[in-house]
Amino acid sequence: MQGISPVFVLEGKAPTLKHNTIAKRNNVRSGFRERKTADKKGRTHFNRILKECKEMLQLMGLACVQGHGEAEAMCAYLNEDGVIYFLYQ
């Protein structure tokens, strides 16, 4: 690809500050089921899809990075460190 190597950056663990926001989203999506059930199922489903995406990208031979936190923070770090030169989100 003309010297361009894509690097896929995946979400890591959500920061503690976002837990309430994530819980509210999960409650809305699940029709306000019991909060703990909705939170757990929503995040578990997201993590399963993320894992499948990571496996698929690796099987395709594409570079894939998963940070400890949000993907945006990892992209900023990679850019600051000179590993990446362009970001498309």
N, C-alpha and C. Protein backbone atom coordinates (compact mmCIF):
# COMPACT_ATOMS: atom_id res chain seq x y z
N MET A 1 0.84 -1.20 0.00
CA MET A 1 0.00 0.00 0.00
C MET A 1 0.87 1.25 0.00
N GLN A 2 1.76 1.36 -0.92
CA GLN A 2 2.60 2.54 -1.11
C GLN A 2 3.32 2.96 0.17
N GLY A 3 3.83 2.00 0.91
CA GLY A 3 4.59 2.31 2.11
C GLY A 3 3.75 2.67 3.32
N ILE A 4 2.45 2.49 3.22
CA ILE A 4 1.57 2.80 4.35
C ILE A 4 1.19 1.50 5.03
N SER A 5 1.42 1.43 6.32
CA SER A 5 1.07 0.25 7.11
C SER A 5 0.00 0.62 8.14
N PRO A 6 -1.22 0.13 7.96
CA PRO A 6 -2.26 0.48 8.94
C PRO A 6 -2.01 -0.21 10.28
N VAL A 7 -2.32 0.50 11.34
CA VAL A 7 -2.24 -0.03 12.70
C VAL A 7 -3.60 0.19 13.33
N PHE A 8 -4.24 -0.87 13.74
CA PHE A 8 -5.56 -0.77 14.38
C PHE A 8 -5.37 -0.68 15.88
N VAL A 9 -5.96 0.35 16.48
CA VAL A 9 -5.85 0.56 17.92
C VAL A 9 -7.21 0.27 18.54
N LEU A 10 -7.22 -0.69 19.46
CA LEU A 10 -8.47 -1.13 20.09
C LEU A 10 -8.60 -0.59 21.50
N GLU A 11 -9.84 -0.49 21.94
CA GLU A 11 -10.13 -0.03 23.29
C GLU A 11 -9.58 -0.99 24.33
N GLY A 12 -9.11 -0.44 25.42
CA GLY A 12 -8.70 -1.22 26.58
C GLY A 12 -9.78 -1.08 27.64
N LYS A 13 -9.39 -1.16 28.88
CA LYS A 13 -10.34 -1.03 29.99
C LYS A 13 -10.79 0.43 30.10
N ALA A 14 -12.09 0.61 30.28
CA ALA A 14 -12.64 1.96 30.42
C ALA A 14 -12.17 2.58 31.73
N PRO A 15 -11.85 3.89 31.70
CA PRO A 15 -11.42 4.55 32.93
C PRO A 15 -12.57 4.62 33.94
N THR A 16 -12.21 4.66 35.20
CA THR A 16 -13.20 4.69 36.29
C THR A 16 -14.17 5.86 36.12
N LEU A 17 -13.70 6.98 35.63
CA LEU A 17 -14.56 8.15 35.45
C LEU A 17 -15.72 7.89 34.49
N LYS A 18 -15.57 6.93 33.59
CA LYS A 18 -16.62 6.64 32.61
C LYS A 18 -17.60 5.56 33.05
N HIS A 19 -17.38 4.94 34.19
CA HIS A 19 -18.23 3.82 34.60
C HIS A 19 -19.70 4.21 34.71
N ASN A 20 -20.01 5.36 35.28
CA ASN A 20 -21.41 5.78 35.39
C ASN A 20 -22.03 6.02 34.03
N THR A 21 -21.29 6.64 33.13
CA THR A 21 -21.80 6.89 31.78
C THR A 21 -22.06 5.58 31.05
N ILE A 22 -21.15 4.65 31.16
CA ILE A 22 -21.32 3.34 30.52
C ILE A 22 -22.53 2.62 31.10
N ALA A 23 -22.70 2.70 32.42
CA ALA A 23 -23.84 2.05 33.08
C ALA A 23 -25.15 2.64 32.57
N LYS A 24 -25.22 3.96 32.42
CA LYS A 24 -26.44 4.60 31.92
C LYS A 24 -26.74 4.15 30.50
N ARG A 25 -25.72 4.10 29.65
CA ARG A 25 -25.92 3.64 28.27
C ARG A 25 -26.45 2.22 28.23
N ASN A 26 -25.85 1.36 29.05
CA ASN A 26 -26.29 -0.04 29.08
C ASN A 26 -27.73 -0.16 29.57
N ASN A 27 -28.11 0.65 30.55
CA ASN A 27 -29.47 0.62 31.06
C ASN A 27 -30.47 1.05 29.99
N VAL A 28 -30.13 2.08 29.24
CA VAL A 28 -31.02 2.55 28.17
C VAL A 28 -31.15 1.48 27.09
N ARG A 29 -30.04 0.90 26.70
CA ARG A 29 -30.06 -0.12 25.64
C ARG A 29 -30.80 -1.38 26.06
N SER A 30 -30.77 -1.69 27.33
CA SER A 30 -31.38 -2.94 27.79
C SER A 30 -32.80 -2.75 28.28
N GLY A 31 -33.37 -1.57 28.09
CA GLY A 31 -34.74 -1.35 28.53
C GLY A 31 -34.87 -1.25 30.04
N PHE A 32 -33.85 -0.73 30.69
CA PHE A 32 -33.85 -0.50 32.14
C PHE A 32 -34.02 -1.77 32.95
N ARG A 33 -33.37 -2.85 32.53
CA ARG A 33 -33.33 -4.04 33.37
C ARG A 33 -32.57 -3.71 34.64
N GLU A 34 -32.51 -4.65 35.52
CA GLU A 34 -31.76 -4.41 36.75
C GLU A 34 -30.35 -3.93 36.39
N ARG A 35 -29.91 -2.86 37.03
CA ARG A 35 -28.68 -2.17 36.65
C ARG A 35 -27.45 -3.08 36.57
N LYS A 36 -27.20 -3.87 37.59
CA LYS A 36 -25.99 -4.71 37.58
C LYS A 36 -26.02 -5.71 36.43
N THR A 37 -27.17 -6.26 36.15
CA THR A 37 -27.30 -7.22 35.06
C THR A 37 -27.02 -6.54 33.72
N ALA A 38 -27.62 -5.37 33.53
CA ALA A 38 -27.44 -4.64 32.28
C ALA A 38 -25.99 -4.22 32.10
N ASP A 39 -25.36 -3.72 33.17
CA ASP A 39 -23.97 -3.29 33.09
C ASP A 39 -23.06 -4.45 32.70
N LYS A 40 -23.23 -5.57 33.37
CA LYS A 40 -22.36 -6.72 33.15
C LYS A 40 -22.54 -7.28 31.74
N LYS A 41 -23.79 -7.44 31.31
CA LYS A 41 -24.04 -8.00 29.98
C LYS A 41 -23.54 -7.08 28.88
N GLY A 42 -23.76 -5.78 29.04
CA GLY A 42 -23.33 -4.82 28.02
C GLY A 42 -21.83 -4.82 27.84
N ARG A 43 -21.10 -4.76 28.93
CA ARG A 43 -19.64 -4.71 28.85
C ARG A 43 -19.07 -6.06 28.40
N THR A 44 -19.67 -7.15 28.86
CA THR A 44 -19.21 -8.48 28.45
C THR A 44 -19.38 -8.65 26.94
N HIS A 45 -20.51 -8.21 26.42
CA HIS A 45 -20.77 -8.31 24.98
C HIS A 45 -19.75 -7.48 24.20
N PHE A 46 -19.50 -6.26 24.66
CA PHE A 46 -18.52 -5.38 24.01
C PHE A 46 -17.13 -6.03 24.01
N ASN A 47 -16.73 -6.57 25.14
CA ASN A 47 -15.41 -7.20 25.24
C ASN A 47 -15.29 -8.42 24.34
N ARG A 48 -16.37 -9.18 24.20
CA ARG A 48 -16.35 -10.35 23.32
C ARG A 48 -16.17 -9.91 21.86
N ILE A 49 -16.90 -8.89 21.45
CA ILE A 49 -16.77 -8.38 20.08
C ILE A 49 -15.37 -7.83 19.84
N LEU A 50 -14.84 -7.11 20.82
CA LEU A 50 -13.49 -6.56 20.72
C LEU A 50 -12.46 -7.67 20.54
N LYS A 51 -12.61 -8.73 21.30
CA LYS A 51 -11.69 -9.88 21.21
C LYS A 51 -11.77 -10.52 19.82
N GLU A 52 -12.99 -10.68 19.29
CA GLU A 52 -13.17 -11.26 17.96
C GLU A 52 -12.54 -10.37 16.89
N CYS A 53 -12.70 -9.06 17.02
CA CYS A 53 -12.10 -8.13 16.06
C CYS A 53 -10.58 -8.23 16.09
N LYS A 54 -10.03 -8.30 17.29
CA LYS A 54 -8.58 -8.41 17.45
C LYS A 54 -8.06 -9.69 16.79
N GLU A 55 -8.75 -10.80 17.02
CA GLU A 55 -8.36 -12.08 16.42
C GLU A 55 -8.44 -12.02 14.90
N MET A 56 -9.51 -11.42 14.38
CA MET A 56 -9.69 -11.32 12.93
C MET A 56 -8.58 -10.49 12.30
N LEU A 57 -8.27 -9.35 12.91
CA LEU A 57 -7.21 -8.49 12.39
C LEU A 57 -5.86 -9.21 12.38
N GLN A 58 -5.58 -9.94 13.46
CA GLN A 58 -4.32 -10.68 13.54
C GLN A 58 -4.26 -11.79 12.50
N LEU A 59 -5.37 -12.48 12.28
CA LEU A 59 -5.41 -13.54 11.26
C LEU A 59 -5.20 -12.98 9.86
N MET A 60 -5.61 -11.74 9.66
CA MET A 60 -5.42 -11.08 8.37
C MET A 60 -4.01 -10.50 8.22
N GLY A 61 -3.21 -10.63 9.28
CA GLY A 61 -1.84 -10.14 9.24
C GLY A 61 -1.71 -8.63 9.43
N LEU A 62 -2.73 -8.02 10.02
CA LEU A 62 -2.70 -6.57 10.22
C LEU A 62 -2.23 -6.24 11.63
N ALA A 63 -1.50 -5.14 11.75
CA ALA A 63 -1.00 -4.70 13.06
C ALA A 63 -2.16 -4.26 13.93
N CYS A 64 -2.13 -4.70 15.16
CA CYS A 64 -3.23 -4.43 16.09
C CYS A 64 -2.64 -4.16 17.47
N VAL A 65 -3.05 -3.06 18.09
CA VAL A 65 -2.56 -2.67 19.40
C VAL A 65 -3.75 -2.43 20.32
N GLN A 66 -3.64 -2.91 21.54
CA GLN A 66 -4.70 -2.66 22.52
C GLN A 66 -4.04 -2.04 23.75
N GLY A 67 -4.46 -0.83 24.06
CA GLY A 67 -3.88 -0.12 25.20
C GLY A 67 -4.51 -0.56 26.51
N HIS A 68 -4.03 0.06 27.58
CA HIS A 68 -4.57 -0.24 28.90
C HIS A 68 -5.86 0.53 29.16
N GLY A 69 -6.10 1.57 28.38
CA GLY A 69 -7.27 2.42 28.57
C GLY A 69 -7.96 2.68 27.25
N GLU A 70 -8.39 3.91 27.07
CA GLU A 70 -9.12 4.27 25.86
C GLU A 70 -8.20 4.29 24.64
N ALA A 71 -8.78 3.95 23.49
CA ALA A 71 -8.01 3.90 22.25
C ALA A 71 -7.46 5.27 21.87
N GLU A 72 -8.23 6.33 22.14
CA GLU A 72 -7.78 7.68 21.80
C GLU A 72 -6.48 8.03 22.53
N ALA A 73 -6.39 7.63 23.79
CA ALA A 73 -5.19 7.90 24.58
C ALA A 73 -4.00 7.13 24.00
N MET A 74 -4.24 5.91 23.58
CA MET A 74 -3.17 5.11 22.99
C MET A 74 -2.71 5.72 21.67
N CYS A 75 -3.65 6.20 20.86
CA CYS A 75 -3.30 6.86 19.60
C CYS A 75 -2.45 8.10 19.85
N ALA A 76 -2.83 8.88 20.86
CA ALA A 76 -2.06 10.09 21.19
C ALA A 76 -0.64 9.71 21.60
N TYR A 77 -0.51 8.65 22.37
CA TYR A 77 0.82 8.18 22.79
C TYR A 77 1.64 7.73 21.59
N LEU A 78 1.04 6.94 20.69
CA LEU A 78 1.75 6.46 19.51
C LEU A 78 2.19 7.62 18.61
N ASN A 79 1.34 8.63 18.51
CA ASN A 79 1.68 9.80 17.71
C ASN A 79 2.82 10.59 18.36
N GLU A 80 2.73 10.80 19.66
CA GLU A 80 3.76 11.53 20.40
C GLU A 80 5.11 10.82 20.30
N ASP A 81 5.07 9.49 20.30
CA ASP A 81 6.30 8.69 20.26
C ASP A 81 6.84 8.53 18.83
N GLY A 82 6.11 9.05 17.84
CA GLY A 82 6.57 8.99 16.45
C GLY A 82 6.32 7.65 15.77
N VAL A 83 5.49 6.80 16.37
CA VAL A 83 5.19 5.49 15.79
C VAL A 83 4.19 5.63 14.65
N ILE A 84 3.24 6.55 14.80
CA ILE A 84 2.25 6.79 13.75
C ILE A 84 2.36 8.25 13.29
N TYR A 85 1.91 8.49 12.07
CA TYR A 85 2.00 9.83 11.52
C TYR A 85 0.65 10.35 11.05
N PHE A 86 -0.36 9.51 11.09
CA PHE A 86 -1.69 9.91 10.64
C PHE A 86 -2.70 9.09 11.42
N LEU A 87 -3.81 9.71 11.74
CA LEU A 87 -4.86 9.03 12.48
C LEU A 87 -6.19 9.25 11.79
N TYR A 88 -6.90 8.18 11.56
CA TYR A 88 -8.25 8.26 11.01
C TYR A 88 -9.16 7.55 11.99
N GLN A 89 -10.14 8.28 12.47
CA GLN A 89 -11.01 7.73 13.50
C GLN A 89 -12.42 7.61 13.02
